[in-house]
Amino acid sequence: MYTALLAVDDSEERAIAQANAVLELPGPPGEVTAHLLHVTDNSDEATESEMTTMPAVVAAQERLREADIDVELMGRAGDAAEEILRGAEEVNANSIILGGRKRSPLGSLLFGSISQAVTLDATRPVMITGTAENTEKPSHECPSCGEMYYTDPGAEIATCRQCGGSKVAAIE
């Protein structure tokens, strides 16, 4: 069983990219659990029930559930980096998947970087996805079983994670 913690903010594009990253994890989808964590500084908004109406959470849930991946919601209030690390410990996550955003060096200096703080303090692998601009449509498909991949169109995929086939091809 593989457990991923996705720290989801208000961006649908970043949440979809994070969900797509989960779809790229090794092993069958039925053996993956994704914990969607949203952290706010206002405790009134930090409940799982509030998360069910957030467009970013809904988009990530739909993408993951379409692929038969179990999804759990986690709402937290407090310092984002600390709560992400605490959540990863609580669910014993195999990895943390963040939807980083681009900031100028000055912006990072002035406002800090949650991604940087999590990456530096994490005791488990951290993946930073960015946005879903290039991962909205599948880039590769296995002709044997139909498994879809959302990755860089120029990437080479040696074997299918679903059936082990060796003819995963880019979709033109």
N, C-alpha and C. Protein backbone atom coordinates (compact mmCIF):
# COMPACT_ATOMS: atom_id res chain seq x y z
N MET A 1 0.83 -1.17 0.00
CA MET A 1 0.00 0.00 0.00
C MET A 1 0.88 1.24 0.00
N TYR A 2 0.53 2.21 -0.85
CA TYR A 2 1.29 3.45 -0.97
C TYR A 2 0.40 4.59 -0.51
N THR A 3 0.92 5.47 0.33
CA THR A 3 0.16 6.60 0.84
C THR A 3 0.84 7.89 0.43
N ALA A 4 0.07 8.77 -0.22
CA ALA A 4 0.57 10.08 -0.65
C ALA A 4 -0.23 11.17 0.04
N LEU A 5 0.47 12.20 0.51
CA LEU A 5 -0.18 13.37 1.08
C LEU A 5 -0.07 14.49 0.07
N LEU A 6 -1.21 15.01 -0.38
CA LEU A 6 -1.25 16.11 -1.32
C LEU A 6 -1.69 17.36 -0.58
N ALA A 7 -0.81 18.33 -0.45
CA ALA A 7 -1.15 19.59 0.22
C ALA A 7 -1.77 20.51 -0.84
N VAL A 8 -3.10 20.61 -0.81
CA VAL A 8 -3.85 21.32 -1.84
C VAL A 8 -4.19 22.73 -1.37
N ASP A 9 -3.92 23.71 -2.24
CA ASP A 9 -4.32 25.08 -1.93
C ASP A 9 -5.57 25.43 -2.74
N ASP A 10 -5.75 26.68 -3.12
CA ASP A 10 -6.97 27.10 -3.82
C ASP A 10 -6.87 26.99 -5.34
N SER A 11 -5.74 26.54 -5.88
CA SER A 11 -5.55 26.48 -7.33
C SER A 11 -5.99 25.13 -7.89
N GLU A 12 -6.99 25.17 -8.78
CA GLU A 12 -7.43 23.94 -9.43
C GLU A 12 -6.33 23.35 -10.31
N GLU A 13 -5.59 24.21 -11.02
CA GLU A 13 -4.52 23.72 -11.90
C GLU A 13 -3.46 22.97 -11.12
N ARG A 14 -3.05 23.52 -9.98
CA ARG A 14 -2.04 22.84 -9.17
C ARG A 14 -2.60 21.55 -8.58
N ALA A 15 -3.86 21.56 -8.15
CA ALA A 15 -4.47 20.35 -7.57
C ALA A 15 -4.57 19.24 -8.61
N ILE A 16 -4.91 19.58 -9.83
CA ILE A 16 -4.98 18.57 -10.90
C ILE A 16 -3.59 18.02 -11.20
N ALA A 17 -2.59 18.89 -11.22
CA ALA A 17 -1.22 18.43 -11.45
C ALA A 17 -0.78 17.49 -10.33
N GLN A 18 -1.17 17.79 -9.09
CA GLN A 18 -0.83 16.91 -7.98
C GLN A 18 -1.53 15.56 -8.14
N ALA A 19 -2.79 15.58 -8.51
CA ALA A 19 -3.52 14.32 -8.73
C ALA A 19 -2.88 13.52 -9.86
N ASN A 20 -2.47 14.21 -10.92
CA ASN A 20 -1.81 13.52 -12.03
C ASN A 20 -0.50 12.88 -11.58
N ALA A 21 0.20 13.53 -10.67
CA ALA A 21 1.44 12.96 -10.14
C ALA A 21 1.15 11.66 -9.39
N VAL A 22 0.04 11.60 -8.68
CA VAL A 22 -0.35 10.37 -7.98
C VAL A 22 -0.62 9.27 -9.00
N LEU A 23 -1.24 9.62 -10.13
CA LEU A 23 -1.52 8.63 -11.16
C LEU A 23 -0.24 8.04 -11.75
N GLU A 24 0.86 8.75 -11.63
CA GLU A 24 2.15 8.28 -12.16
C GLU A 24 2.93 7.43 -11.16
N LEU A 25 2.43 7.28 -9.94
CA LEU A 25 3.14 6.48 -8.94
C LEU A 25 3.17 5.02 -9.36
N PRO A 26 4.22 4.31 -8.99
CA PRO A 26 4.31 2.89 -9.36
C PRO A 26 3.27 2.05 -8.63
N GLY A 27 2.89 0.97 -9.26
CA GLY A 27 1.94 0.05 -8.65
C GLY A 27 0.52 0.31 -9.10
N PRO A 28 -0.35 -0.65 -8.86
CA PRO A 28 -1.75 -0.51 -9.26
C PRO A 28 -2.47 0.56 -8.46
N PRO A 29 -3.40 1.30 -9.10
CA PRO A 29 -4.13 2.36 -8.41
C PRO A 29 -4.87 1.89 -7.16
N GLY A 30 -5.36 0.67 -7.15
CA GLY A 30 -6.08 0.15 -5.99
C GLY A 30 -5.24 0.03 -4.73
N GLU A 31 -3.94 0.18 -4.88
CA GLU A 31 -3.04 0.08 -3.72
C GLU A 31 -2.50 1.44 -3.30
N VAL A 32 -3.16 2.51 -3.76
CA VAL A 32 -2.73 3.88 -3.43
C VAL A 32 -3.84 4.59 -2.68
N THR A 33 -3.47 5.30 -1.62
CA THR A 33 -4.40 6.18 -0.91
C THR A 33 -3.84 7.58 -0.97
N ALA A 34 -4.68 8.53 -1.36
CA ALA A 34 -4.27 9.93 -1.43
C ALA A 34 -4.99 10.71 -0.33
N HIS A 35 -4.23 11.38 0.50
CA HIS A 35 -4.79 12.24 1.54
C HIS A 35 -4.68 13.68 1.04
N LEU A 36 -5.82 14.32 0.81
CA LEU A 36 -5.84 15.71 0.38
C LEU A 36 -5.89 16.59 1.62
N LEU A 37 -4.85 17.38 1.82
CA LEU A 37 -4.73 18.23 3.00
C LEU A 37 -4.84 19.68 2.58
N HIS A 38 -5.73 20.42 3.23
CA HIS A 38 -5.82 21.86 3.01
C HIS A 38 -5.57 22.54 4.35
N VAL A 39 -4.61 23.47 4.36
CA VAL A 39 -4.25 24.18 5.58
C VAL A 39 -4.64 25.64 5.42
N THR A 40 -5.28 26.16 6.45
CA THR A 40 -5.65 27.57 6.47
C THR A 40 -5.23 28.16 7.81
N ASP A 41 -5.16 29.48 7.87
CA ASP A 41 -4.82 30.10 9.14
C ASP A 41 -6.09 30.42 9.94
N ASN A 42 -7.26 30.12 9.38
CA ASN A 42 -8.53 30.36 10.04
C ASN A 42 -9.16 29.02 10.40
N SER A 43 -9.27 28.71 11.68
CA SER A 43 -9.77 27.40 12.10
C SER A 43 -11.21 27.14 11.67
N ASP A 44 -11.98 28.18 11.37
CA ASP A 44 -13.36 27.98 10.92
C ASP A 44 -13.42 27.35 9.54
N GLU A 45 -12.36 27.49 8.75
CA GLU A 45 -12.35 26.95 7.39
C GLU A 45 -11.58 25.65 7.28
N ALA A 46 -11.09 25.13 8.36
CA ALA A 46 -10.17 24.00 8.30
C ALA A 46 -10.84 22.64 8.47
N THR A 47 -12.12 22.55 8.18
CA THR A 47 -12.80 21.27 8.35
C THR A 47 -12.90 20.54 7.03
N GLU A 48 -13.01 19.22 7.11
CA GLU A 48 -13.15 18.40 5.92
C GLU A 48 -14.44 18.74 5.18
N SER A 49 -15.50 19.09 5.92
CA SER A 49 -16.77 19.42 5.26
C SER A 49 -16.65 20.69 4.42
N GLU A 50 -15.88 21.66 4.88
CA GLU A 50 -15.64 22.87 4.09
C GLU A 50 -14.86 22.56 2.82
N MET A 51 -13.98 21.57 2.90
CA MET A 51 -13.15 21.22 1.75
C MET A 51 -13.97 20.64 0.61
N THR A 52 -15.10 20.02 0.91
CA THR A 52 -15.89 19.37 -0.14
C THR A 52 -16.48 20.36 -1.14
N THR A 53 -16.46 21.65 -0.81
CA THR A 53 -16.98 22.66 -1.74
C THR A 53 -15.87 23.44 -2.43
N MET A 54 -14.63 23.18 -2.10
CA MET A 54 -13.51 23.89 -2.72
C MET A 54 -13.27 23.33 -4.12
N PRO A 55 -13.31 24.17 -5.16
CA PRO A 55 -13.11 23.68 -6.53
C PRO A 55 -11.81 22.90 -6.72
N ALA A 56 -10.73 23.32 -6.09
CA ALA A 56 -9.45 22.62 -6.25
C ALA A 56 -9.54 21.21 -5.66
N VAL A 57 -10.16 21.08 -4.51
CA VAL A 57 -10.29 19.77 -3.87
C VAL A 57 -11.21 18.87 -4.70
N VAL A 58 -12.32 19.43 -5.17
CA VAL A 58 -13.27 18.67 -5.98
C VAL A 58 -12.59 18.16 -7.25
N ALA A 59 -11.81 19.01 -7.91
CA ALA A 59 -11.12 18.62 -9.15
C ALA A 59 -10.13 17.49 -8.89
N ALA A 60 -9.34 17.61 -7.82
CA ALA A 60 -8.36 16.56 -7.50
C ALA A 60 -9.07 15.26 -7.13
N GLN A 61 -10.14 15.35 -6.33
CA GLN A 61 -10.90 14.15 -5.95
C GLN A 61 -11.44 13.43 -7.17
N GLU A 62 -12.03 14.18 -8.08
CA GLU A 62 -12.61 13.56 -9.28
C GLU A 62 -11.54 12.84 -10.09
N ARG A 63 -10.40 13.49 -10.30
CA ARG A 63 -9.32 12.88 -11.08
C ARG A 63 -8.85 11.59 -10.43
N LEU A 64 -8.67 11.62 -9.12
CA LEU A 64 -8.17 10.45 -8.40
C LEU A 64 -9.20 9.33 -8.34
N ARG A 65 -10.44 9.67 -8.06
CA ARG A 65 -11.48 8.64 -7.96
C ARG A 65 -11.77 7.98 -9.31
N GLU A 66 -11.63 8.74 -10.41
CA GLU A 66 -11.78 8.16 -11.75
C GLU A 66 -10.77 7.04 -11.96
N ALA A 67 -9.61 7.16 -11.31
CA ALA A 67 -8.55 6.16 -11.44
C ALA A 67 -8.60 5.12 -10.32
N ASP A 68 -9.70 5.05 -9.60
CA ASP A 68 -9.88 4.09 -8.51
C ASP A 68 -8.88 4.25 -7.39
N ILE A 69 -8.52 5.49 -7.09
CA ILE A 69 -7.61 5.76 -5.98
C ILE A 69 -8.44 6.24 -4.80
N ASP A 70 -8.20 5.65 -3.63
CA ASP A 70 -8.90 6.06 -2.41
C ASP A 70 -8.47 7.47 -2.03
N VAL A 71 -9.44 8.30 -1.63
CA VAL A 71 -9.17 9.69 -1.28
C VAL A 71 -9.71 9.97 0.12
N GLU A 72 -8.88 10.57 0.95
CA GLU A 72 -9.26 11.00 2.29
C GLU A 72 -9.00 12.50 2.39
N LEU A 73 -9.89 13.23 3.06
CA LEU A 73 -9.74 14.67 3.24
C LEU A 73 -9.21 14.99 4.63
N MET A 74 -8.34 15.99 4.69
CA MET A 74 -7.78 16.44 5.95
C MET A 74 -7.79 17.96 5.96
N GLY A 75 -8.46 18.57 6.91
CA GLY A 75 -8.46 20.02 7.05
C GLY A 75 -7.68 20.41 8.29
N ARG A 76 -6.85 21.42 8.16
CA ARG A 76 -6.00 21.87 9.27
C ARG A 76 -5.97 23.38 9.33
N ALA A 77 -5.66 23.90 10.50
CA ALA A 77 -5.42 25.33 10.70
C ALA A 77 -4.05 25.48 11.34
N GLY A 78 -3.31 26.49 10.90
CA GLY A 78 -2.01 26.75 11.48
C GLY A 78 -0.98 27.08 10.41
N ASP A 79 0.28 26.95 10.79
CA ASP A 79 1.38 27.18 9.86
C ASP A 79 1.38 26.07 8.80
N ALA A 80 1.31 26.46 7.53
CA ALA A 80 1.14 25.48 6.45
C ALA A 80 2.25 24.43 6.43
N ALA A 81 3.50 24.85 6.47
CA ALA A 81 4.60 23.89 6.39
C ALA A 81 4.57 22.92 7.58
N GLU A 82 4.34 23.44 8.78
CA GLU A 82 4.29 22.59 9.96
C GLU A 82 3.14 21.59 9.88
N GLU A 83 1.97 22.05 9.42
CA GLU A 83 0.80 21.18 9.35
C GLU A 83 0.96 20.12 8.25
N ILE A 84 1.62 20.47 7.16
CA ILE A 84 1.88 19.49 6.09
C ILE A 84 2.79 18.39 6.63
N LEU A 85 3.85 18.77 7.31
CA LEU A 85 4.77 17.78 7.87
C LEU A 85 4.10 16.93 8.95
N ARG A 86 3.29 17.56 9.78
CA ARG A 86 2.57 16.84 10.83
C ARG A 86 1.57 15.86 10.21
N GLY A 87 0.85 16.30 9.18
CA GLY A 87 -0.11 15.44 8.50
C GLY A 87 0.57 14.24 7.86
N ALA A 88 1.72 14.47 7.24
CA ALA A 88 2.47 13.37 6.60
C ALA A 88 2.90 12.33 7.64
N GLU A 89 3.30 12.80 8.81
CA GLU A 89 3.67 11.87 9.89
C GLU A 89 2.46 11.07 10.36
N GLU A 90 1.33 11.75 10.54
CA GLU A 90 0.13 11.09 11.06
C GLU A 90 -0.38 9.98 10.15
N VAL A 91 -0.33 10.20 8.84
CA VAL A 91 -0.84 9.18 7.91
C VAL A 91 0.27 8.26 7.42
N ASN A 92 1.49 8.49 7.93
CA ASN A 92 2.66 7.73 7.53
C ASN A 92 2.80 7.72 6.00
N ALA A 93 2.76 8.91 5.43
CA ALA A 93 2.83 9.08 3.98
C ALA A 93 4.17 8.60 3.43
N ASN A 94 4.10 7.94 2.29
CA ASN A 94 5.33 7.54 1.60
C ASN A 94 5.94 8.72 0.88
N SER A 95 5.10 9.70 0.51
CA SER A 95 5.60 10.92 -0.13
C SER A 95 4.63 12.06 0.09
N ILE A 96 5.17 13.27 -0.05
CA ILE A 96 4.39 14.50 0.04
C ILE A 96 4.41 15.12 -1.35
N ILE A 97 3.23 15.47 -1.86
CA ILE A 97 3.14 16.06 -3.19
C ILE A 97 2.58 17.47 -3.06
N LEU A 98 3.41 18.44 -3.45
CA LEU A 98 3.05 19.85 -3.35
C LEU A 98 2.81 20.43 -4.74
N GLY A 99 1.94 21.41 -4.81
CA GLY A 99 1.69 22.13 -6.07
C GLY A 99 2.37 23.48 -6.01
N GLY A 100 3.67 23.49 -6.18
CA GLY A 100 4.43 24.74 -6.05
C GLY A 100 4.05 25.78 -7.08
N ARG A 101 4.28 27.01 -6.73
CA ARG A 101 4.04 28.11 -7.66
C ARG A 101 5.34 28.85 -7.91
N LYS A 102 5.40 29.48 -9.05
CA LYS A 102 6.62 30.21 -9.39
C LYS A 102 6.59 31.58 -8.72
N ARG A 103 7.68 31.88 -8.06
CA ARG A 103 7.87 33.19 -7.46
C ARG A 103 9.24 33.69 -7.83
N SER A 104 9.35 34.98 -7.91
CA SER A 104 10.66 35.57 -8.16
C SER A 104 11.51 35.36 -6.92
N PRO A 105 12.83 35.47 -7.07
CA PRO A 105 13.68 35.34 -5.88
C PRO A 105 13.31 36.34 -4.80
N LEU A 106 12.93 37.56 -5.19
CA LEU A 106 12.53 38.57 -4.21
C LEU A 106 11.22 38.16 -3.54
N GLY A 107 10.28 37.63 -4.32
CA GLY A 107 9.01 37.18 -3.75
C GLY A 107 9.21 36.07 -2.75
N SER A 108 10.10 35.12 -3.06
CA SER A 108 10.40 34.04 -2.12
C SER A 108 11.04 34.58 -0.85
N LEU A 109 11.92 35.57 -1.02
CA LEU A 109 12.59 36.16 0.14
C LEU A 109 11.59 36.89 1.03
N LEU A 110 10.68 37.66 0.43
CA LEU A 110 9.72 38.43 1.20
C LEU A 110 8.62 37.58 1.82
N PHE A 111 8.10 36.64 1.06
CA PHE A 111 6.93 35.88 1.51
C PHE A 111 7.27 34.48 2.00
N GLY A 112 8.48 34.03 1.78
CA GLY A 112 8.86 32.68 2.17
C GLY A 112 8.31 31.67 1.18
N SER A 113 8.63 30.44 1.39
CA SER A 113 8.19 29.39 0.49
C SER A 113 7.80 28.17 1.30
N ILE A 114 6.54 27.82 1.23
CA ILE A 114 6.06 26.63 1.93
C ILE A 114 6.76 25.40 1.35
N SER A 115 6.87 25.35 0.03
CA SER A 115 7.53 24.21 -0.62
C SER A 115 8.96 24.06 -0.12
N GLN A 116 9.67 25.16 -0.01
CA GLN A 116 11.05 25.09 0.44
C GLN A 116 11.13 24.62 1.89
N ALA A 117 10.27 25.16 2.75
CA ALA A 117 10.28 24.76 4.16
C ALA A 117 9.95 23.28 4.32
N VAL A 118 8.96 22.80 3.57
CA VAL A 118 8.59 21.38 3.66
C VAL A 118 9.73 20.51 3.15
N THR A 119 10.30 20.89 2.02
CA THR A 119 11.38 20.10 1.42
C THR A 119 12.58 20.01 2.36
N LEU A 120 12.92 21.11 2.99
CA LEU A 120 14.09 21.11 3.88
C LEU A 120 13.87 20.32 5.16
N ASP A 121 12.63 20.31 5.67
CA ASP A 121 12.38 19.67 6.96
C ASP A 121 11.76 18.27 6.87
N ALA A 122 11.38 17.84 5.68
CA ALA A 122 10.71 16.55 5.53
C ALA A 122 11.66 15.38 5.74
N THR A 123 11.11 14.31 6.28
CA THR A 123 11.88 13.07 6.46
C THR A 123 11.45 12.02 5.45
N ARG A 124 10.71 12.45 4.44
CA ARG A 124 10.21 11.56 3.38
C ARG A 124 10.30 12.31 2.05
N PRO A 125 10.22 11.65 0.93
CA PRO A 125 10.33 12.33 -0.37
C PRO A 125 9.25 13.38 -0.57
N VAL A 126 9.64 14.49 -1.21
CA VAL A 126 8.72 15.57 -1.54
C VAL A 126 8.77 15.79 -3.04
N MET A 127 7.60 15.84 -3.66
CA MET A 127 7.49 16.10 -5.10
C MET A 127 6.76 17.43 -5.26
N ILE A 128 7.30 18.30 -6.12
CA ILE A 128 6.66 19.58 -6.39
C ILE A 128 6.25 19.58 -7.85
N THR A 129 4.93 19.74 -8.09
CA THR A 129 4.40 19.54 -9.44
C THR A 129 4.23 20.80 -10.26
N GLY A 130 3.94 21.93 -9.68
CA GLY A 130 3.60 23.12 -10.47
C GLY A 130 2.16 23.06 -10.89
N THR A 131 1.86 23.49 -12.12
CA THR A 131 0.48 23.50 -12.61
C THR A 131 0.24 22.38 -13.60
N ALA A 132 -1.02 22.23 -13.98
CA ALA A 132 -1.41 21.13 -14.86
C ALA A 132 -1.47 21.52 -16.33
N GLU A 133 -0.82 22.60 -16.71
CA GLU A 133 -0.90 23.06 -18.10
C GLU A 133 -0.59 21.94 -19.09
N ASN A 134 0.46 21.20 -18.82
CA ASN A 134 0.89 20.16 -19.75
C ASN A 134 0.38 18.78 -19.40
N THR A 135 -0.41 18.67 -18.34
CA THR A 135 -0.86 17.35 -17.93
C THR A 135 -2.37 17.19 -17.97
N GLU A 136 -3.07 18.10 -18.64
CA GLU A 136 -4.52 18.00 -18.74
C GLU A 136 -4.94 16.80 -19.58
N LYS A 137 -4.20 16.53 -20.64
CA LYS A 137 -4.52 15.42 -21.53
C LYS A 137 -3.43 14.37 -21.39
N PRO A 138 -3.80 13.12 -21.55
CA PRO A 138 -2.77 12.08 -21.45
C PRO A 138 -1.71 12.25 -22.53
N SER A 139 -0.48 11.96 -22.16
CA SER A 139 0.63 12.10 -23.10
C SER A 139 1.05 10.75 -23.69
N HIS A 140 0.80 9.66 -22.97
CA HIS A 140 1.20 8.32 -23.40
C HIS A 140 0.07 7.33 -23.11
N GLU A 141 0.07 6.22 -23.86
CA GLU A 141 -0.91 5.17 -23.63
C GLU A 141 -0.28 3.81 -23.92
N CYS A 142 -0.64 2.84 -23.08
CA CYS A 142 -0.19 1.47 -23.30
C CYS A 142 -1.19 0.81 -24.25
N PRO A 143 -0.74 0.34 -25.42
CA PRO A 143 -1.67 -0.29 -26.35
C PRO A 143 -2.19 -1.64 -25.86
N SER A 144 -1.49 -2.26 -24.92
CA SER A 144 -1.91 -3.57 -24.42
C SER A 144 -3.11 -3.48 -23.48
N CYS A 145 -3.05 -2.53 -22.53
CA CYS A 145 -4.11 -2.46 -21.52
C CYS A 145 -4.86 -1.13 -21.50
N GLY A 146 -4.36 -0.13 -22.23
CA GLY A 146 -5.04 1.17 -22.28
C GLY A 146 -4.67 2.13 -21.16
N GLU A 147 -3.72 1.77 -20.31
CA GLU A 147 -3.29 2.65 -19.22
C GLU A 147 -2.81 3.98 -19.78
N MET A 148 -3.29 5.09 -19.19
CA MET A 148 -2.92 6.44 -19.64
C MET A 148 -1.88 7.04 -18.71
N TYR A 149 -0.99 7.84 -19.28
CA TYR A 149 0.05 8.52 -18.53
C TYR A 149 -0.05 10.01 -18.78
N TYR A 150 0.15 10.81 -17.74
CA TYR A 150 0.13 12.26 -17.82
C TYR A 150 1.52 12.75 -17.47
N THR A 151 2.33 12.94 -18.49
CA THR A 151 3.71 13.34 -18.25
C THR A 151 4.19 14.17 -19.44
N ASP A 152 5.45 14.49 -19.46
CA ASP A 152 6.05 15.23 -20.56
C ASP A 152 5.91 14.42 -21.84
N PRO A 153 5.33 15.00 -22.90
CA PRO A 153 5.14 14.24 -24.14
C PRO A 153 6.43 13.65 -24.71
N GLY A 154 7.57 14.25 -24.41
CA GLY A 154 8.84 13.73 -24.91
C GLY A 154 9.45 12.63 -24.05
N ALA A 155 8.81 12.32 -22.93
CA ALA A 155 9.35 11.30 -22.03
C ALA A 155 9.22 9.91 -22.65
N GLU A 156 10.16 9.05 -22.28
CA GLU A 156 10.09 7.65 -22.71
C GLU A 156 9.69 6.81 -21.52
N ILE A 157 8.68 5.97 -21.70
CA ILE A 157 8.21 5.08 -20.64
C ILE A 157 8.54 3.66 -21.06
N ALA A 158 9.46 3.05 -20.33
CA ALA A 158 9.99 1.73 -20.73
C ALA A 158 8.96 0.62 -20.57
N THR A 159 8.25 0.60 -19.43
CA THR A 159 7.26 -0.46 -19.20
C THR A 159 6.00 0.13 -18.58
N CYS A 160 4.90 -0.51 -18.87
CA CYS A 160 3.61 -0.08 -18.33
C CYS A 160 3.52 -0.45 -16.86
N ARG A 161 3.09 0.49 -16.04
CA ARG A 161 2.95 0.21 -14.61
C ARG A 161 1.78 -0.72 -14.32
N GLN A 162 0.83 -0.80 -15.24
CA GLN A 162 -0.35 -1.63 -15.03
C GLN A 162 -0.14 -3.09 -15.46
N CYS A 163 0.31 -3.28 -16.71
CA CYS A 163 0.41 -4.64 -17.23
C CYS A 163 1.84 -5.11 -17.47
N GLY A 164 2.81 -4.20 -17.37
CA GLY A 164 4.20 -4.57 -17.59
C GLY A 164 4.59 -4.57 -19.06
N GLY A 165 3.67 -4.17 -19.92
CA GLY A 165 3.96 -4.13 -21.36
C GLY A 165 5.08 -3.16 -21.66
N SER A 166 5.79 -3.41 -22.77
CA SER A 166 6.96 -2.58 -23.09
C SER A 166 6.75 -1.69 -24.31
N LYS A 167 5.53 -1.46 -24.69
CA LYS A 167 5.29 -0.65 -25.88
C LYS A 167 4.44 0.58 -25.56
N VAL A 168 4.70 1.24 -24.42
CA VAL A 168 3.98 2.46 -24.06
C VAL A 168 4.38 3.53 -25.07
N ALA A 169 3.39 4.12 -25.73
CA ALA A 169 3.67 5.05 -26.82
C ALA A 169 3.10 6.44 -26.53
N ALA A 170 3.82 7.42 -27.02
CA ALA A 170 3.33 8.80 -26.92
C ALA A 170 2.08 8.95 -27.77
N ILE A 171 1.14 9.74 -27.28
CA ILE A 171 -0.08 10.02 -28.03
C ILE A 171 0.19 11.23 -28.90
N GLU A 172 0.00 11.07 -30.17
CA GLU A 172 0.28 12.15 -31.14
C GLU A 172 -0.85 13.14 -31.17
